[in-house]
PDB file of all heavy atoms in Angstrom:
ATOM      1  N   LEU A   1       0.829  -1.211   0.000  1.00  0.00           N
ATOM      2  CA  LEU A   1       0.000   0.000   0.000  1.00  0.00           C
ATOM      3  C   LEU A   1       0.859   1.255   0.000  1.00  0.00           C
ATOM      4  O   LEU A   1       0.622   2.188  -0.768  1.00  0.00           O
ATOM      5  CB  LEU A   1      -0.937  -0.006   1.216  1.00  0.00           C
ATOM      6  CG  LEU A   1      -1.806   1.240   1.429  1.00  0.00           C
ATOM      7  CD1 LEU A   1      -2.676   1.534   0.219  1.00  0.00           C
ATOM      8  CD2 LEU A   1      -2.655   1.065   2.682  1.00  0.00           C
ATOM      9  N   ASN A   2       1.872   1.270   0.833  1.00  0.00           N
ATOM     10  CA  ASN A   2       2.722   2.461   0.913  1.00  0.00           C
ATOM     11  C   ASN A   2       3.663   2.583  -0.279  1.00  0.00           C
ATOM     12  O   ASN A   2       4.037   3.700  -0.660  1.00  0.00           O
ATOM     13  CB  ASN A   2       3.459   2.480   2.241  1.00  0.00           C
ATOM     14  CG  ASN A   2       2.499   2.752   3.378  1.00  0.00           C
ATOM     15  OD1 ASN A   2       1.801   3.750   3.376  1.00  0.00           O
ATOM     16  ND2 ASN A   2       2.419   1.830   4.319  1.00  0.00           N
ATOM     17  N   LEU A   3       4.009   1.472  -0.891  1.00  0.00           N
ATOM     18  CA  LEU A   3       4.770   1.518  -2.140  1.00  0.00           C
ATOM     19  C   LEU A   3       3.908   2.141  -3.239  1.00  0.00           C
ATOM     20  O   LEU A   3       4.370   2.988  -4.007  1.00  0.00           O
ATOM     21  CB  LEU A   3       5.213   0.104  -2.523  1.00  0.00           C
ATOM     22  CG  LEU A   3       6.286  -0.058  -3.567  1.00  0.00           C
ATOM     23  CD1 LEU A   3       7.576   0.636  -3.133  1.00  0.00           C
ATOM     24  CD2 LEU A   3       6.562  -1.532  -3.804  1.00  0.00           C
ATOM     25  N   THR A   4       2.646   1.745  -3.293  1.00  0.00           N
ATOM     26  CA  THR A   4       1.706   2.331  -4.243  1.00  0.00           C
ATOM     27  C   THR A   4       1.570   3.829  -3.992  1.00  0.00           C
ATOM     28  O   THR A   4       1.618   4.639  -4.928  1.00  0.00           O
ATOM     29  CB  THR A   4       0.331   1.645  -4.123  1.00  0.00           C
ATOM     30  OG1 THR A   4       0.488   0.264  -4.429  1.00  0.00           O
ATOM     31  CG2 THR A   4      -0.684   2.270  -5.058  1.00  0.00           C
ATOM     32  N   GLY A   5       1.396   4.205  -2.733  1.00  0.00           N
ATOM     33  CA  GLY A   5       1.284   5.616  -2.377  1.00  0.00           C
ATOM     34  C   GLY A   5       2.521   6.409  -2.777  1.00  0.00           C
ATOM     35  O   GLY A   5       2.418   7.539  -3.259  1.00  0.00           O
ATOM     36  N   THR A   6       3.685   5.808  -2.605  1.00  0.00           N
ATOM     37  CA  THR A   6       4.939   6.465  -3.004  1.00  0.00           C
ATOM     38  C   THR A   6       4.981   6.692  -4.510  1.00  0.00           C
ATOM     39  O   THR A   6       5.373   7.770  -4.976  1.00  0.00           O
ATOM     40  CB  THR A   6       6.153   5.631  -2.561  1.00  0.00           C
ATOM     41  OG1 THR A   6       6.118   5.482  -1.135  1.00  0.00           O
ATOM     42  CG2 THR A   6       7.459   6.266  -2.981  1.00  0.00           C
ATOM     43  N   GLY A   7       4.564   5.687  -5.274  1.00  0.00           N
ATOM     44  CA  GLY A   7       4.518   5.840  -6.738  1.00  0.00           C
ATOM     45  C   GLY A   7       3.577   6.947  -7.160  1.00  0.00           C
ATOM     46  O   GLY A   7       3.891   7.763  -8.028  1.00  0.00           O
ATOM     47  N   PHE A   8       2.395   6.996  -6.519  1.00  0.00           N
ATOM     48  CA  PHE A   8       1.438   8.059  -6.834  1.00  0.00           C
ATOM     49  C   PHE A   8       1.991   9.430  -6.456  1.00  0.00           C
ATOM     50  O   PHE A   8       1.812  10.400  -7.186  1.00  0.00           O
ATOM     51  CB  PHE A   8       0.121   7.838  -6.104  1.00  0.00           C
ATOM     52  CG  PHE A   8      -0.700   6.702  -6.653  1.00  0.00           C
ATOM     53  CD1 PHE A   8      -1.701   6.134  -5.885  1.00  0.00           C
ATOM     54  CD2 PHE A   8      -0.491   6.193  -7.920  1.00  0.00           C
ATOM     55  CE1 PHE A   8      -2.473   5.097  -6.379  1.00  0.00           C
ATOM     56  CE2 PHE A   8      -1.249   5.155  -8.414  1.00  0.00           C
ATOM     57  CZ  PHE A   8      -2.249   4.609  -7.647  1.00  0.00           C
ATOM     58  N   PHE A   9       2.645   9.496  -5.297  1.00  0.00           N
ATOM     59  CA  PHE A   9       3.218  10.770  -4.864  1.00  0.00           C
ATOM     60  C   PHE A   9       4.279  11.252  -5.856  1.00  0.00           C
ATOM     61  O   PHE A   9       4.277  12.427  -6.256  1.00  0.00           O
ATOM     62  CB  PHE A   9       3.826  10.644  -3.463  1.00  0.00           C
ATOM     63  CG  PHE A   9       4.527  11.898  -3.022  1.00  0.00           C
ATOM     64  CD1 PHE A   9       3.804  12.971  -2.531  1.00  0.00           C
ATOM     65  CD2 PHE A   9       5.907  12.008  -3.134  1.00  0.00           C
ATOM     66  CE1 PHE A   9       4.453  14.140  -2.153  1.00  0.00           C
ATOM     67  CE2 PHE A   9       6.558  13.170  -2.755  1.00  0.00           C
ATOM     68  CZ  PHE A   9       5.829  14.241  -2.263  1.00  0.00           C
ATOM     69  N   LEU A  10       5.183  10.359  -6.237  1.00  0.00           N
ATOM     70  CA  LEU A  10       6.244  10.755  -7.170  1.00  0.00           C
ATOM     71  C   LEU A  10       5.669  11.213  -8.504  1.00  0.00           C
ATOM     72  O   LEU A  10       6.068  12.247  -9.042  1.00  0.00           O
ATOM     73  CB  LEU A  10       7.220   9.595  -7.380  1.00  0.00           C
ATOM     74  CG  LEU A  10       8.070   9.205  -6.178  1.00  0.00           C
ATOM     75  CD1 LEU A  10       8.852   7.928  -6.466  1.00  0.00           C
ATOM     76  CD2 LEU A  10       9.011  10.333  -5.786  1.00  0.00           C
ATOM     77  N   ARG A  11       4.716  10.438  -9.043  1.00  0.00           N
ATOM     78  CA  ARG A  11       4.097  10.801 -10.324  1.00  0.00           C
ATOM     79  C   ARG A  11       3.380  12.154 -10.197  1.00  0.00           C
ATOM     80  O   ARG A  11       3.533  13.032 -11.042  1.00  0.00           O
ATOM     81  CB  ARG A  11       3.112   9.716 -10.745  1.00  0.00           C
ATOM     82  CG  ARG A  11       2.241  10.045 -11.913  1.00  0.00           C
ATOM     83  CD  ARG A  11       2.904   9.958 -13.254  1.00  0.00           C
ATOM     84  NE  ARG A  11       3.372   8.603 -13.468  1.00  0.00           N
ATOM     85  CZ  ARG A  11       4.423   8.311 -14.221  1.00  0.00           C
ATOM     86  NH1 ARG A  11       5.067   9.263 -14.849  1.00  0.00           N
ATOM     87  NH2 ARG A  11       4.814   7.071 -14.367  1.00  0.00           N
ATOM     88  N   GLY A  12       2.612  12.319  -9.133  1.00  0.00           N
ATOM     89  CA  GLY A  12       1.871  13.562  -8.936  1.00  0.00           C
ATOM     90  C   GLY A  12       2.783  14.757  -8.747  1.00  0.00           C
ATOM     91  O   GLY A  12       2.521  15.845  -9.270  1.00  0.00           O
ATOM     92  N   PHE A  13       3.868  14.574  -7.994  1.00  0.00           N
ATOM     93  CA  PHE A  13       4.826  15.657  -7.782  1.00  0.00           C
ATOM     94  C   PHE A  13       5.407  16.107  -9.120  1.00  0.00           C
ATOM     95  O   PHE A  13       5.501  17.313  -9.399  1.00  0.00           O
ATOM     96  CB  PHE A  13       5.937  15.201  -6.829  1.00  0.00           C
ATOM     97  CG  PHE A  13       6.916  16.286  -6.502  1.00  0.00           C
ATOM     98  CD1 PHE A  13       6.651  17.186  -5.482  1.00  0.00           C
ATOM     99  CD2 PHE A  13       8.102  16.415  -7.212  1.00  0.00           C
ATOM    100  CE1 PHE A  13       7.551  18.195  -5.172  1.00  0.00           C
ATOM    101  CE2 PHE A  13       9.007  17.420  -6.916  1.00  0.00           C
ATOM    102  CZ  PHE A  13       8.732  18.306  -5.890  1.00  0.00           C
ATOM    103  N   LEU A  14       5.790  15.146  -9.953  1.00  0.00           N
ATOM    104  CA  LEU A  14       6.339  15.489 -11.270  1.00  0.00           C
ATOM    105  C   LEU A  14       5.294  16.211 -12.122  1.00  0.00           C
ATOM    106  O   LEU A  14       5.621  17.158 -12.842  1.00  0.00           O
ATOM    107  CB  LEU A  14       6.819  14.219 -11.988  1.00  0.00           C
ATOM    108  CG  LEU A  14       8.026  13.511 -11.382  1.00  0.00           C
ATOM    109  CD1 LEU A  14       8.261  12.171 -12.070  1.00  0.00           C
ATOM    110  CD2 LEU A  14       9.278  14.385 -11.480  1.00  0.00           C
ATOM    111  N   GLN A  15       4.045  15.777 -12.035  1.00  0.00           N
ATOM    112  CA  GLN A  15       2.984  16.418 -12.818  1.00  0.00           C
ATOM    113  C   GLN A  15       2.736  17.857 -12.369  1.00  0.00           C
ATOM    114  O   GLN A  15       2.626  18.758 -13.205  1.00  0.00           O
ATOM    115  CB  GLN A  15       1.684  15.610 -12.702  1.00  0.00           C
ATOM    116  CG  GLN A  15       1.748  14.280 -13.410  1.00  0.00           C
ATOM    117  CD  GLN A  15       0.592  13.367 -13.027  1.00  0.00           C
ATOM    118  OE1 GLN A  15      -0.002  13.499 -11.966  1.00  0.00           O
ATOM    119  NE2 GLN A  15       0.291  12.419 -13.913  1.00  0.00           N
ATOM    120  N   VAL A  16       2.648  18.070 -11.069  1.00  0.00           N
ATOM    121  CA  VAL A  16       2.385  19.422 -10.565  1.00  0.00           C
ATOM    122  C   VAL A  16       3.549  20.346 -10.879  1.00  0.00           C
ATOM    123  O   VAL A  16       3.351  21.504 -11.266  1.00  0.00           O
ATOM    124  CB  VAL A  16       2.094  19.395  -9.045  1.00  0.00           C
ATOM    125  CG1 VAL A  16       2.033  20.797  -8.477  1.00  0.00           C
ATOM    126  CG2 VAL A  16       0.785  18.653  -8.774  1.00  0.00           C
ATOM    127  N   ARG A  17       4.742  19.856 -10.740  1.00  0.00           N
ATOM    128  CA  ARG A  17       5.930  20.664 -11.055  1.00  0.00           C
ATOM    129  C   ARG A  17       6.173  20.764 -12.558  1.00  0.00           C
ATOM    130  O   ARG A  17       7.102  21.433 -12.993  1.00  0.00           O
ATOM    131  CB  ARG A  17       7.177  20.088 -10.366  1.00  0.00           C
ATOM    132  CG  ARG A  17       7.163  20.271  -8.873  1.00  0.00           C
ATOM    133  CD  ARG A  17       7.246  21.725  -8.562  1.00  0.00           C
ATOM    134  NE  ARG A  17       7.237  21.940  -7.127  1.00  0.00           N
ATOM    135  CZ  ARG A  17       7.110  23.112  -6.589  1.00  0.00           C
ATOM    136  NH1 ARG A  17       6.985  24.171  -7.337  1.00  0.00           N
ATOM    137  NH2 ARG A  17       7.092  23.250  -5.290  1.00  0.00           N
ATOM    138  N   GLN A  18       5.333  20.099 -13.329  1.00  0.00           N
ATOM    139  CA  GLN A  18       5.400  20.082 -14.781  1.00  0.00           C
ATOM    140  C   GLN A  18       6.775  19.664 -15.290  1.00  0.00           C
ATOM    141  O   GLN A  18       7.301  20.220 -16.255  1.00  0.00           O
ATOM    142  CB  GLN A  18       4.951  21.424 -15.343  1.00  0.00           C
ATOM    143  CG  GLN A  18       3.516  21.723 -14.978  1.00  0.00           C
ATOM    144  CD  GLN A  18       3.016  23.046 -15.492  1.00  0.00           C
ATOM    145  OE1 GLN A  18       3.783  23.906 -15.906  1.00  0.00           O
ATOM    146  NE2 GLN A  18       1.712  23.225 -15.453  1.00  0.00           N
ATOM    147  N   MET A  19       7.310  18.665 -14.624  1.00  0.00           N
ATOM    148  CA  MET A  19       8.586  18.081 -15.038  1.00  0.00           C
ATOM    149  C   MET A  19       8.287  16.893 -15.947  1.00  0.00           C
ATOM    150  O   MET A  19       7.423  16.081 -15.629  1.00  0.00           O
ATOM    151  CB  MET A  19       9.381  17.596 -13.825  1.00  0.00           C
ATOM    152  CG  MET A  19       9.674  18.665 -12.816  1.00  0.00           C
ATOM    153  SD  MET A  19      10.302  17.904 -11.303  1.00  0.00           S
ATOM    154  CE  MET A  19      11.660  18.955 -10.934  1.00  0.00           C
ATOM    155  N   VAL A  20       8.968  16.814 -17.050  1.00  0.00           N
ATOM    156  CA  VAL A  20       8.776  15.694 -17.965  1.00  0.00           C
ATOM    157  C   VAL A  20       9.921  14.710 -17.718  1.00  0.00           C
ATOM    158  O   VAL A  20      11.070  14.985 -18.063  1.00  0.00           O
ATOM    159  CB  VAL A  20       8.778  16.172 -19.435  1.00  0.00           C
ATOM    160  CG1 VAL A  20       8.612  15.000 -20.374  1.00  0.00           C
ATOM    161  CG2 VAL A  20       7.696  17.212 -19.646  1.00  0.00           C
ATOM    162  N   PRO A  21       9.598  13.569 -17.091  1.00  0.00           N
ATOM    163  CA  PRO A  21      10.659  12.613 -16.779  1.00  0.00           C
ATOM    164  C   PRO A  21      11.133  11.894 -18.041  1.00  0.00           C
ATOM    165  O   PRO A  21      10.383  11.741 -19.015  1.00  0.00           O
ATOM    166  CB  PRO A  21       9.976  11.633 -15.816  1.00  0.00           C
ATOM    167  CG  PRO A  21       8.535  11.702 -16.168  1.00  0.00           C
ATOM    168  CD  PRO A  21       8.297  13.105 -16.640  1.00  0.00           C
ATOM    169  N   ASP A  22      12.388  11.450 -18.017  1.00  0.00           N
ATOM    170  CA  ASP A  22      12.859  10.641 -19.134  1.00  0.00           C
ATOM    171  C   ASP A  22      12.180   9.278 -19.066  1.00  0.00           C
ATOM    172  O   ASP A  22      11.494   8.953 -18.095  1.00  0.00           O
ATOM    173  CB  ASP A  22      14.384  10.528 -19.147  1.00  0.00           C
ATOM    174  CG  ASP A  22      14.958   9.810 -17.929  1.00  0.00           C
ATOM    175  OD1 ASP A  22      14.178   9.221 -17.159  1.00  0.00           O
ATOM    176  OD2 ASP A  22      16.179   9.838 -17.760  1.00  0.00           O
ATOM    177  N   ARG A  23      12.357   8.468 -20.090  1.00  0.00           N
ATOM    178  CA  ARG A  23      11.648   7.187 -20.173  1.00  0.00           C
ATOM    179  C   ARG A  23      11.973   6.269 -19.006  1.00  0.00           C
ATOM    180  O   ARG A  23      11.102   5.557 -18.513  1.00  0.00           O
ATOM    181  CB  ARG A  23      11.978   6.502 -21.494  1.00  0.00           C
ATOM    182  CG  ARG A  23      11.333   7.194 -22.674  1.00  0.00           C
ATOM    183  CD  ARG A  23      11.677   6.549 -23.974  1.00  0.00           C
ATOM    184  NE  ARG A  23      11.241   5.158 -23.965  1.00  0.00           N
ATOM    185  CZ  ARG A  23      11.461   4.319 -24.950  1.00  0.00           C
ATOM    186  NH1 ARG A  23      12.099   4.719 -26.027  1.00  0.00           N
ATOM    187  NH2 ARG A  23      11.047   3.072 -24.870  1.00  0.00           N
ATOM    188  N   THR A  24      13.205   6.282 -18.556  1.00  0.00           N
ATOM    189  CA  THR A  24      13.607   5.405 -17.460  1.00  0.00           C
ATOM    190  C   THR A  24      12.923   5.802 -16.159  1.00  0.00           C
ATOM    191  O   THR A  24      12.375   4.942 -15.454  1.00  0.00           O
ATOM    192  CB  THR A  24      15.145   5.450 -17.272  1.00  0.00           C
ATOM    193  OG1 THR A  24      15.777   5.134 -18.521  1.00  0.00           O
ATOM    194  CG2 THR A  24      15.592   4.487 -16.207  1.00  0.00           C
ATOM    195  N   LEU A  25      12.939   7.083 -15.838  1.00  0.00           N
ATOM    196  CA  LEU A  25      12.273   7.553 -14.621  1.00  0.00           C
ATOM    197  C   LEU A  25      10.769   7.322 -14.701  1.00  0.00           C
ATOM    198  O   LEU A  25      10.139   6.885 -13.732  1.00  0.00           O
ATOM    199  CB  LEU A  25      12.580   9.023 -14.363  1.00  0.00           C
ATOM    200  CG  LEU A  25      11.927   9.644 -13.123  1.00  0.00           C
ATOM    201  CD1 LEU A  25      12.379   8.912 -11.862  1.00  0.00           C
ATOM    202  CD2 LEU A  25      12.253  11.115 -13.035  1.00  0.00           C
ATOM    203  N   ASP A  26      10.197   7.592 -15.859  1.00  0.00           N
ATOM    204  CA  ASP A  26       8.765   7.398 -16.053  1.00  0.00           C
ATOM    205  C   ASP A  26       8.381   5.931 -15.813  1.00  0.00           C
ATOM    206  O   ASP A  26       7.418   5.641 -15.094  1.00  0.00           O
ATOM    207  CB  ASP A  26       8.373   7.834 -17.465  1.00  0.00           C
ATOM    208  CG  ASP A  26       6.881   7.848 -17.681  1.00  0.00           C
ATOM    209  OD1 ASP A  26       6.169   8.450 -16.855  1.00  0.00           O
ATOM    210  OD2 ASP A  26       6.429   7.251 -18.674  1.00  0.00           O
ATOM    211  N   ALA A  27       9.142   5.027 -16.386  1.00  0.00           N
ATOM    212  CA  ALA A  27       8.877   3.594 -16.203  1.00  0.00           C
ATOM    213  C   ALA A  27       9.106   3.166 -14.759  1.00  0.00           C
ATOM    214  O   ALA A  27       8.368   2.332 -14.225  1.00  0.00           O
ATOM    215  CB  ALA A  27       9.754   2.778 -17.142  1.00  0.00           C
ATOM    216  N   SER A  28      10.099   3.743 -14.119  1.00  0.00           N
ATOM    217  CA  SER A  28      10.381   3.401 -12.720  1.00  0.00           C
ATOM    218  C   SER A  28       9.252   3.814 -11.796  1.00  0.00           C
ATOM    219  O   SER A  28       8.847   3.053 -10.915  1.00  0.00           O
ATOM    220  CB  SER A  28      11.684   4.071 -12.260  1.00  0.00           C
ATOM    221  OG  SER A  28      12.769   3.607 -13.010  1.00  0.00           O
ATOM    222  N   VAL A  29       8.736   5.007 -11.996  1.00  0.00           N
ATOM    223  CA  VAL A  29       7.632   5.496 -11.155  1.00  0.00           C
ATOM    224  C   VAL A  29       6.391   4.631 -11.373  1.00  0.00           C
ATOM    225  O   VAL A  29       5.718   4.241 -10.414  1.00  0.00           O
ATOM    226  CB  VAL A  29       7.341   6.989 -11.439  1.00  0.00           C
ATOM    227  CG1 VAL A  29       6.071   7.441 -10.760  1.00  0.00           C
ATOM    228  CG2 VAL A  29       8.517   7.848 -11.003  1.00  0.00           C
ATOM    229  N   SER A  30       6.102   4.287 -12.619  1.00  0.00           N
ATOM    230  CA  SER A  30       4.969   3.401 -12.904  1.00  0.00           C
ATOM    231  C   SER A  30       5.190   2.028 -12.284  1.00  0.00           C
ATOM    232  O   SER A  30       4.253   1.417 -11.759  1.00  0.00           O
ATOM    233  CB  SER A  30       4.762   3.260 -14.412  1.00  0.00           C
ATOM    234  OG  SER A  30       4.385   4.485 -14.976  1.00  0.00           O
ATOM    235  N   GLY A  31       6.418   1.557 -12.350  1.00  0.00           N
ATOM    236  CA  GLY A  31       6.751   0.250 -11.782  1.00  0.00           C
ATOM    237  C   GLY A  31       6.585   0.208 -10.280  1.00  0.00           C
ATOM    238  O   GLY A  31       6.138  -0.801  -9.717  1.00  0.00           O
ATOM    239  N   ILE A  32       6.918   1.303  -9.604  1.00  0.00           N
ATOM    240  CA  ILE A  32       6.769   1.373  -8.145  1.00  0.00           C
ATOM    241  C   ILE A  32       5.298   1.192  -7.767  1.00  0.00           C
ATOM    242  O   ILE A  32       4.953   0.347  -6.936  1.00  0.00           O
ATOM    243  CB  ILE A  32       7.322   2.709  -7.596  1.00  0.00           C
ATOM    244  CG1 ILE A  32       8.842   2.725  -7.695  1.00  0.00           C
ATOM    245  CG2 ILE A  32       6.873   2.945  -6.166  1.00  0.00           C
ATOM    246  CD1 ILE A  32       9.470   4.083  -7.419  1.00  0.00           C
ATOM    247  N   ALA A  33       4.431   1.963  -8.402  1.00  0.00           N
ATOM    248  CA  ALA A  33       2.996   1.849  -8.093  1.00  0.00           C
ATOM    249  C   ALA A  33       2.454   0.487  -8.512  1.00  0.00           C
ATOM    250  O   ALA A  33       1.646  -0.115  -7.795  1.00  0.00           O
ATOM    251  CB  ALA A  33       2.224   2.970  -8.787  1.00  0.00           C
ATOM    252  N   GLY A  34       2.901  -0.013  -9.632  1.00  0.00           N
ATOM    253  CA  GLY A  34       2.440  -1.322 -10.111  1.00  0.00           C
ATOM    254  C   GLY A  34       2.842  -2.454  -9.190  1.00  0.00           C
ATOM    255  O   GLY A  34       2.040  -3.346  -8.898  1.00  0.00           O
ATOM    256  N   CYS A  35       4.088  -2.420  -8.718  1.00  0.00           N
ATOM    257  CA  CYS A  35       4.541  -3.458  -7.775  1.00  0.00           C
ATOM    258  C   CYS A  35       3.746  -3.404  -6.477  1.00  0.00           C
ATOM    259  O   CYS A  35       3.378  -4.441  -5.916  1.00  0.00           O
ATOM    260  CB  CYS A  35       6.035  -3.303  -7.482  1.00  0.00           C
ATOM    261  SG  CYS A  35       7.090  -3.801  -8.843  1.00  0.00           S
ATOM    262  N   GLY A  36       3.468  -2.214  -6.009  1.00  0.00           N
ATOM    263  CA  GLY A  36       2.662  -2.065  -4.802  1.00  0.00           C
ATOM    264  C   GLY A  36       1.275  -2.666  -4.979  1.00  0.00           C
ATOM    265  O   GLY A  36       0.777  -3.367  -4.101  1.00  0.00           O
ATOM    266  N   HIS A  37       0.654  -2.417  -6.129  1.00  0.00           N
ATOM    267  CA  HIS A  37      -0.662  -2.989  -6.407  1.00  0.00           C
ATOM    268  C   HIS A  37      -0.601  -4.523  -6.450  1.00  0.00           C
ATOM    269  O   HIS A  37      -1.499  -5.199  -5.943  1.00  0.00           O
ATOM    270  CB  HIS A  37      -1.218  -2.448  -7.733  1.00  0.00           C
ATOM    271  CG  HIS A  37      -1.910  -1.144  -7.618  1.00  0.00           C
ATOM    272  ND1 HIS A  37      -1.265   0.055  -7.794  1.00  0.00           N
ATOM    273  CD2 HIS A  37      -3.196  -0.832  -7.338  1.00  0.00           C
ATOM    274  CE1 HIS A  37      -2.138   1.042  -7.644  1.00  0.00           C
ATOM    275  NE2 HIS A  37      -3.320   0.535  -7.357  1.00  0.00           N
ATOM    276  N   MET A  38       0.431  -5.064  -7.064  1.00  0.00           N
ATOM    277  CA  MET A  38       0.551  -6.523  -7.143  1.00  0.00           C
ATOM    278  C   MET A  38       0.742  -7.154  -5.762  1.00  0.00           C
ATOM    279  O   MET A  38       0.131  -8.177  -5.448  1.00  0.00           O
ATOM    280  CB  MET A  38       1.696  -6.915  -8.076  1.00  0.00           C
ATOM    281  CG  MET A  38       1.387  -6.664  -9.529  1.00  0.00           C
ATOM    282  SD  MET A  38       2.627  -7.292 -10.666  1.00  0.00           S
ATOM    283  CE  MET A  38       3.949  -6.126 -10.424  1.00  0.00           C
ATOM    284  N   ILE A  39       1.563  -6.527  -4.939  1.00  0.00           N
ATOM    285  CA  ILE A  39       1.785  -7.033  -3.580  1.00  0.00           C
ATOM    286  C   ILE A  39       0.468  -7.029  -2.802  1.00  0.00           C
ATOM    287  O   ILE A  39       0.120  -8.014  -2.145  1.00  0.00           O
ATOM    288  CB  ILE A  39       2.864  -6.193  -2.858  1.00  0.00           C
ATOM    289  CG1 ILE A  39       4.233  -6.437  -3.487  1.00  0.00           C
ATOM    290  CG2 ILE A  39       2.890  -6.502  -1.362  1.00  0.00           C
ATOM    291  CD1 ILE A  39       5.309  -5.449  -3.059  1.00  0.00           C
ATOM    292  N   MET A  40      -0.258  -5.929  -2.879  1.00  0.00           N
ATOM    293  CA  MET A  40      -1.547  -5.855  -2.179  1.00  0.00           C
ATOM    294  C   MET A  40      -2.515  -6.911  -2.697  1.00  0.00           C
ATOM    295  O   MET A  40      -3.244  -7.535  -1.907  1.00  0.00           O
ATOM    296  CB  MET A  40      -2.174  -4.472  -2.350  1.00  0.00           C
ATOM    297  CG  MET A  40      -1.559  -3.414  -1.497  1.00  0.00           C
ATOM    298  SD  MET A  40      -2.475  -1.858  -1.558  1.00  0.00           S
ATOM    299  CE  MET A  40      -2.392  -1.438  -3.273  1.00  0.00           C
ATOM    300  N   SER A  41      -2.553  -7.117  -3.994  1.00  0.00           N
ATOM    301  CA  SER A  41      -3.470  -8.096  -4.583  1.00  0.00           C
ATOM    302  C   SER A  41      -3.211  -9.498  -4.051  1.00  0.00           C
ATOM    303  O   SER A  41      -4.152 -10.210  -3.679  1.00  0.00           O
ATOM    304  CB  SER A  41      -3.341  -8.105  -6.110  1.00  0.00           C
ATOM    305  OG  SER A  41      -3.691  -6.859  -6.633  1.00  0.00           O
ATOM    306  N   VAL A  42      -1.960  -9.888  -4.009  1.00  0.00           N
ATOM    307  CA  VAL A  42      -1.610 -11.216  -3.493  1.00  0.00           C
ATOM    308  C   VAL A  42      -2.015 -11.334  -2.024  1.00  0.00           C
ATOM    309  O   VAL A  42      -2.595 -12.346  -1.608  1.00  0.00           O
ATOM    310  CB  VAL A  42      -0.096 -11.502  -3.682  1.00  0.00           C
ATOM    311  CG1 VAL A  42       0.335 -12.739  -2.930  1.00  0.00           C
ATOM    312  CG2 VAL A  42       0.235 -11.620  -5.163  1.00  0.00           C
ATOM    313  N   CYS A  43      -1.742 -10.314  -1.245  1.00  0.00           N
ATOM    314  CA  CYS A  43      -2.094 -10.343   0.178  1.00  0.00           C
ATOM    315  C   CYS A  43      -3.600 -10.415   0.388  1.00  0.00           C
ATOM    316  O   CYS A  43      -4.084 -11.144   1.263  1.00  0.00           O
ATOM    317  CB  CYS A  43      -1.512  -9.133   0.907  1.00  0.00           C
ATOM    318  SG  CYS A  43       0.283  -9.162   1.028  1.00  0.00           S
ATOM    319  N   ILE A  44      -4.360  -9.673  -0.409  1.00  0.00           N
ATOM    320  CA  ILE A  44      -5.820  -9.710  -0.298  1.00  0.00           C
ATOM    321  C   ILE A  44      -6.340 -11.112  -0.610  1.00  0.00           C
ATOM    322  O   ILE A  44      -7.194 -11.642   0.102  1.00  0.00           O
ATOM    323  CB  ILE A  44      -6.472  -8.653  -1.215  1.00  0.00           C
ATOM    324  CG1 ILE A  44      -6.232  -7.256  -0.646  1.00  0.00           C
ATOM    325  CG2 ILE A  44      -7.969  -8.912  -1.382  1.00  0.00           C
ATOM    326  CD1 ILE A  44      -6.638  -6.123  -1.571  1.00  0.00           C
TER     327      ILE A  44
END
């Protein structure tokens, strides 16, 4: 859950600051939230 929250925070921070991340950072931020969702799904 907190990994997911961290991914959302990072993505949102970049959006509000209007920073365009490179492909690697963009994929990493998506991966953080995605991994958090997968972990929660298995636990549920």
